[in-house]
Amino acid sequence: MTKEEIKGLSAEQLKEEITKERERLLRLRFAHAVSPIENPLRIRAARKQVARLLTALTIKTSQTQNSPAA
């Protein structure tokens, strides 16, 4: 996902994506523990993607809390 795609997601969609990415990261770690995976940098990329999604979620939630209620 690109930065623009992440920005376009709602808070609920971000939570779903975070769950999916965490599950993917868990599977990668298990696969790597059993037998070394071909490209171990995929673990790092998945971890960074989770961090990006969490950052976007934090920004979205802080914007909704700081905006005045209508």
Foldseek 3Di string as FASTA:
>chain_A
DDPVVLLPDALVVLVVVLVVLVVVLVVQVVVCVVPNDPDPCVNVVSVVVSVSSVVSNVVNVVVVVPDDDD
